[in-house]
């Protein structure tokens, strides 16, 4: 049995404005049983329609969507991690999510 392979990795860094959404996408191939898990700062993400959306298609593309990115306790950088595993191996790809405040001149407009 061979381990999983990322055919498409996460970007090293993604910058988004607070209040907007973010979508992360990987493509994974590997022998079944194949498991793909997503993490935000080492906490596993569970599918939650109000906050997160987890999706996969038949072509091995897995997506993690955050509906509305926010700064949490003055923290504006988060590590997004995707872990793919099967009985042979576990592999990981990571992205640094940087959340920027909305510019002052736009705060009253948007």
Protein backbone atom coordinates (compact mmCIF):
# COMPACT_ATOMS: atom_id res chain seq x y z
CA UNK A 1 0.00 0.00 0.00
CA UNK A 2 1.25 3.48 -0.83
CA UNK A 3 0.65 6.61 1.22
CA UNK A 4 -1.41 9.63 0.18
CA UNK A 5 0.06 12.32 -2.08
CA UNK A 6 -0.87 16.01 -2.26
CA UNK A 7 -1.22 16.89 -5.94
CA UNK A 8 -2.19 20.42 -4.89
CA UNK A 9 -0.82 21.91 -1.66
CA UNK A 10 -2.15 24.79 0.42
CA UNK A 11 -0.67 28.20 -0.35
CA UNK A 12 2.05 29.17 2.14
CA UNK A 13 0.15 32.33 3.15
CA UNK A 14 -3.30 33.79 2.57
CA UNK A 15 -4.27 37.33 3.50
CA UNK A 16 -7.93 38.25 3.98
CA UNK A 17 -9.82 41.24 5.36
CA UNK A 18 -11.72 40.66 8.61
CA UNK A 19 -15.36 39.88 7.88
CA UNK A 20 -14.69 38.24 4.52
CA UNK A 21 -14.60 34.52 3.75
CA UNK A 22 -11.67 32.24 3.01
CA UNK A 23 -11.49 29.00 1.02
CA UNK A 24 -8.65 26.50 1.27
CA UNK A 25 -8.29 23.71 -1.27
CA UNK A 26 -6.05 20.66 -1.70
CA UNK A 27 -6.03 17.72 -4.08
CA UNK A 28 -5.16 14.35 -2.58
CA UNK A 29 -4.68 10.95 -4.13
CA UNK A 30 -4.05 7.71 -2.33
CA UNK A 31 -5.29 4.24 -1.62
CA UNK A 32 -8.41 3.73 0.46
CA UNK A 33 -9.23 4.11 3.23
CA UNK A 34 -8.21 7.76 2.82
CA UNK A 35 -8.95 10.27 5.59
CA UNK A 36 -8.63 14.06 5.24
CA UNK A 37 -8.87 16.34 8.29
CA UNK A 38 -8.61 20.12 8.62
CA UNK A 39 -7.23 22.06 11.60
CA UNK A 40 -7.15 25.69 12.72
CA UNK A 41 -4.27 26.25 15.15
CA UNK A 42 -4.13 22.48 15.85
CA UNK A 43 -7.85 22.25 16.68
CA UNK A 44 -9.70 19.86 14.38
CA UNK A 45 -12.44 21.49 12.32
CA UNK A 46 -15.92 19.98 12.37
CA UNK A 47 -18.46 20.72 9.64
CA UNK A 48 -20.58 23.60 10.97
CA UNK A 49 -22.86 25.35 8.47
CA UNK A 50 -22.82 28.56 10.53
CA UNK A 51 -19.03 28.94 10.63
CA UNK A 52 -17.24 26.31 8.49
CA UNK A 53 -18.02 24.27 5.39
CA UNK A 54 -16.11 21.09 4.54
CA UNK A 55 -16.48 19.72 1.03
CA UNK A 56 -14.95 17.10 -1.24
CA UNK A 57 -15.52 16.01 -4.81
CA UNK A 58 -14.99 12.76 -6.71
CA UNK A 59 -11.68 14.00 -8.13
CA UNK A 60 -9.90 14.07 -4.76
CA UNK A 61 -10.34 17.83 -4.24
CA UNK A 62 -11.03 18.76 -0.62
CA UNK A 63 -12.15 22.25 0.45
CA UNK A 64 -12.39 24.02 3.79
CA UNK A 65 -14.34 27.28 3.85
CA UNK A 66 -14.51 29.78 6.67
CA UNK A 67 -17.66 31.84 6.14
CA UNK A 68 -16.48 34.97 7.97
CA UNK A 69 -12.90 35.36 9.15
CA UNK A 70 -12.43 37.35 12.36
CA UNK A 71 -9.58 38.55 14.56
CA UNK A 72 -9.78 36.55 17.81
CA UNK A 73 -8.41 38.02 21.07
CA UNK A 74 -6.18 40.41 19.09
CA UNK A 75 -4.68 37.41 17.26
CA UNK A 76 -4.64 37.96 13.51
CA UNK A 77 -2.53 34.99 12.33
CA UNK A 78 -3.77 31.42 12.28
CA UNK A 79 -2.28 28.16 11.02
CA UNK A 80 -4.56 26.23 8.70
CA UNK A 81 -3.50 22.61 8.33
CA UNK A 82 -4.74 19.77 6.12
CA UNK A 83 -3.82 16.24 7.11
CA UNK A 84 -4.30 13.31 4.73
CA UNK A 85 -3.76 9.76 5.91
CA UNK A 86 -4.33 6.12 5.12
CA UNK A 87 -2.98 2.89 6.60
CA UNK A 88 0.46 3.52 5.00
CA UNK A 89 1.26 7.14 5.88
CA UNK A 90 0.13 10.59 7.06
CA UNK A 91 1.06 13.82 5.25
CA UNK A 92 0.41 17.47 6.12
CA UNK A 93 0.28 20.79 4.28
CA UNK A 94 -0.04 24.15 6.07
CA UNK A 95 -1.03 27.74 5.33
CA UNK A 96 -0.61 30.89 7.42
CA UNK A 97 -3.90 32.81 7.41
CA UNK A 98 -3.34 36.52 8.06
CA UNK A 99 -6.46 38.55 8.93
CA UNK A 100 -6.25 42.27 8.24
CA UNK A 101 -8.60 44.91 9.62
CA UNK A 102 -10.83 46.74 7.18
CA UNK A 103 -9.18 50.07 6.30
CA UNK A 104 -10.59 52.95 8.37
CA UNK A 105 -11.88 54.81 5.30
CA UNK A 106 -14.09 51.82 4.41
CA UNK A 107 -15.45 50.96 7.88
CA UNK A 108 -18.51 53.20 7.61
CA UNK A 109 -19.18 52.36 3.97
CA UNK A 110 -19.17 48.56 3.88
